[in-house]
Amino acid sequence: MVDFLAQSTPTGPEFGKASPLGLLIVLVLLAGTVLLVRSMNKHLKGLPETFEPEHPEPDQQADDGTEPGAIAIDTDERKPKTG
């Protein structure tokens, strides 16, 4: 097996020359990259400039007086009801 691999290595004046198939592969990859970039730009143009809500009043009222990440717990609801 090793002898076969060693013999199939090209040497001489033809060694290292590119084939037309290699050029075709490079051109196909280049065309695919151009199409992907154009598609990405089209989708990015459709996004809004900012993702902030237009009317933040309801969210702002809920956030007033709270710390980021804190959860308010109503202790009255945790007490068992008697009656």
C-alpha atoms as a PDB file:
ATOM      1  CA  MET A   1       0.000   0.000   0.000  1.00  0.00           C
ATOM      2  CA  VAL A   2       2.784   2.407   0.914  1.00  0.00           C
ATOM      3  CA  ASP A   3       4.633   1.543  -2.298  1.00  0.00           C
ATOM      4  CA  PHE A   4       1.538   2.330  -4.360  1.00  0.00           C
ATOM      5  CA  LEU A   5       1.081   5.746  -2.687  1.00  0.00           C
ATOM      6  CA  ALA A   6       4.749   6.559  -3.157  1.00  0.00           C
ATOM      7  CA  GLN A   7       4.626   5.685  -6.866  1.00  0.00           C
ATOM      8  CA  SER A   8       1.464   7.685  -7.605  1.00  0.00           C
ATOM      9  CA  THR A   9       3.019  10.978  -6.466  1.00  0.00           C
ATOM     10  CA  PRO A  10       3.605  13.054  -9.621  1.00  0.00           C
ATOM     11  CA  THR A  11       7.074  14.404 -10.220  1.00  0.00           C
ATOM     12  CA  GLY A  12       8.688  16.249 -13.080  1.00  0.00           C
ATOM     13  CA  PRO A  13       7.464  19.147 -15.219  1.00  0.00           C
ATOM     14  CA  GLU A  14       3.751  18.391 -14.689  1.00  0.00           C
ATOM     15  CA  PHE A  15       3.990  18.492 -10.882  1.00  0.00           C
ATOM     16  CA  GLY A  16       2.069  21.361  -9.265  1.00  0.00           C
ATOM     17  CA  LYS A  17       0.101  22.519 -12.289  1.00  0.00           C
ATOM     18  CA  ALA A  18      -3.572  23.345 -11.785  1.00  0.00           C
ATOM     19  CA  SER A  19      -6.320  21.718 -13.802  1.00  0.00           C
ATOM     20  CA  PRO A  20      -9.384  23.397 -15.334  1.00  0.00           C
ATOM     21  CA  LEU A  21     -11.502  21.540 -12.784  1.00  0.00           C
ATOM     22  CA  GLY A  22      -9.774  23.457  -9.974  1.00  0.00           C
ATOM     23  CA  LEU A  23     -10.583  26.755 -11.678  1.00  0.00           C
ATOM     24  CA  LEU A  24     -14.210  25.679 -12.062  1.00  0.00           C
ATOM     25  CA  ILE A  25     -14.452  24.811  -8.364  1.00  0.00           C
ATOM     26  CA  VAL A  26     -12.964  28.181  -7.354  1.00  0.00           C
ATOM     27  CA  LEU A  27     -15.397  30.049  -9.624  1.00  0.00           C
ATOM     28  CA  VAL A  28     -18.408  28.135  -8.265  1.00  0.00           C
ATOM     29  CA  LEU A  29     -17.351  28.872  -4.686  1.00  0.00           C
ATOM     30  CA  LEU A  30     -16.832  32.547  -5.532  1.00  0.00           C
ATOM     31  CA  ALA A  31     -20.269  32.801  -7.159  1.00  0.00           C
ATOM     32  CA  GLY A  32     -21.889  31.119  -4.140  1.00  0.00           C
ATOM     33  CA  THR A  33     -20.153  33.554  -1.787  1.00  0.00           C
ATOM     34  CA  VAL A  34     -21.341  36.560  -3.820  1.00  0.00           C
ATOM     35  CA  LEU A  35     -24.921  35.266  -3.799  1.00  0.00           C
ATOM     36  CA  LEU A  36     -24.834  34.638  -0.052  1.00  0.00           C
ATOM     37  CA  VAL A  37     -23.510  38.146   0.658  1.00  0.00           C
ATOM     38  CA  ARG A  38     -26.209  39.723  -1.541  1.00  0.00           C
ATOM     39  CA  SER A  39     -28.910  37.709   0.210  1.00  0.00           C
ATOM     40  CA  MET A  40     -27.569  38.636   3.647  1.00  0.00           C
ATOM     41  CA  ASN A  41     -27.505  42.338   2.739  1.00  0.00           C
ATOM     42  CA  LYS A  42     -31.095  42.150   1.485  1.00  0.00           C
ATOM     43  CA  HIS A  43     -32.231  40.608   4.771  1.00  0.00           C
ATOM     44  CA  LEU A  44     -30.251  43.095   6.881  1.00  0.00           C
ATOM     45  CA  LYS A  45     -31.843  46.048   5.081  1.00  0.00           C
ATOM     46  CA  GLY A  46     -35.263  44.761   6.143  1.00  0.00           C
ATOM     47  CA  LEU A  47     -34.398  44.912   9.849  1.00  0.00           C
ATOM     48  CA  PRO A  48     -35.438  47.919  11.934  1.00  0.00           C
ATOM     49  CA  GLU A  49     -32.790  50.457  12.965  1.00  0.00           C
ATOM     50  CA  THR A  50     -33.369  49.668  16.636  1.00  0.00           C
ATOM     51  CA  PHE A  51     -35.203  46.951  18.513  1.00  0.00           C
ATOM     52  CA  GLU A  52     -36.407  49.271  21.265  1.00  0.00           C
ATOM     53  CA  PRO A  53     -40.207  49.335  21.620  1.00  0.00           C
ATOM     54  CA  GLU A  54     -41.998  52.353  20.155  1.00  0.00           C
ATOM     55  CA  HIS A  55     -44.188  52.792  23.240  1.00  0.00           C
ATOM     56  CA  PRO A  56     -42.218  51.647  26.314  1.00  0.00           C
ATOM     57  CA  GLU A  57     -44.680  53.050  28.866  1.00  0.00           C
ATOM     58  CA  PRO A  58     -46.264  49.723  29.943  1.00  0.00           C
ATOM     59  CA  ASP A  59     -42.846  48.089  30.291  1.00  0.00           C
ATOM     60  CA  GLN A  60     -41.417  51.117  32.073  1.00  0.00           C
ATOM     61  CA  GLN A  61     -44.191  51.093  34.684  1.00  0.00           C
ATOM     62  CA  ALA A  62     -43.486  47.453  35.462  1.00  0.00           C
ATOM     63  CA  ASP A  63     -39.741  48.123  35.756  1.00  0.00           C
ATOM     64  CA  ASP A  64     -39.964  51.196  38.024  1.00  0.00           C
ATOM     65  CA  GLY A  65     -38.585  50.508  41.468  1.00  0.00           C
ATOM     66  CA  THR A  66     -37.192  47.072  40.705  1.00  0.00           C
ATOM     67  CA  GLU A  67     -33.623  45.950  40.514  1.00  0.00           C
ATOM     68  CA  PRO A  68     -32.435  44.181  37.384  1.00  0.00           C
ATOM     69  CA  GLY A  69     -32.987  40.474  37.805  1.00  0.00           C
ATOM     70  CA  ALA A  70     -34.921  40.796  41.063  1.00  0.00           C
ATOM     71  CA  ILE A  71     -38.292  39.080  41.388  1.00  0.00           C
ATOM     72  CA  ALA A  72     -40.943  40.649  43.581  1.00  0.00           C
ATOM     73  CA  ILE A  73     -42.699  38.165  45.845  1.00  0.00           C
ATOM     74  CA  ASP A  74     -45.967  39.033  47.500  1.00  0.00           C
ATOM     75  CA  THR A  75     -45.660  37.575  50.999  1.00  0.00           C
ATOM     76  CA  ASP A  76     -49.411  37.823  51.713  1.00  0.00           C
ATOM     77  CA  GLU A  77     -50.184  35.151  49.117  1.00  0.00           C
ATOM     78  CA  ARG A  78     -47.744  32.715  50.690  1.00  0.00           C
ATOM     79  CA  LYS A  79     -49.558  32.676  54.041  1.00  0.00           C
ATOM     80  CA  PRO A  80     -52.086  29.884  54.437  1.00  0.00           C
ATOM     81  CA  LYS A  81     -55.676  31.044  54.379  1.00  0.00           C
ATOM     82  CA  THR A  82     -57.739  30.277  57.425  1.00  0.00           C
ATOM     83  CA  GLY A  83     -61.432  30.393  57.502  1.00  0.00           C
END
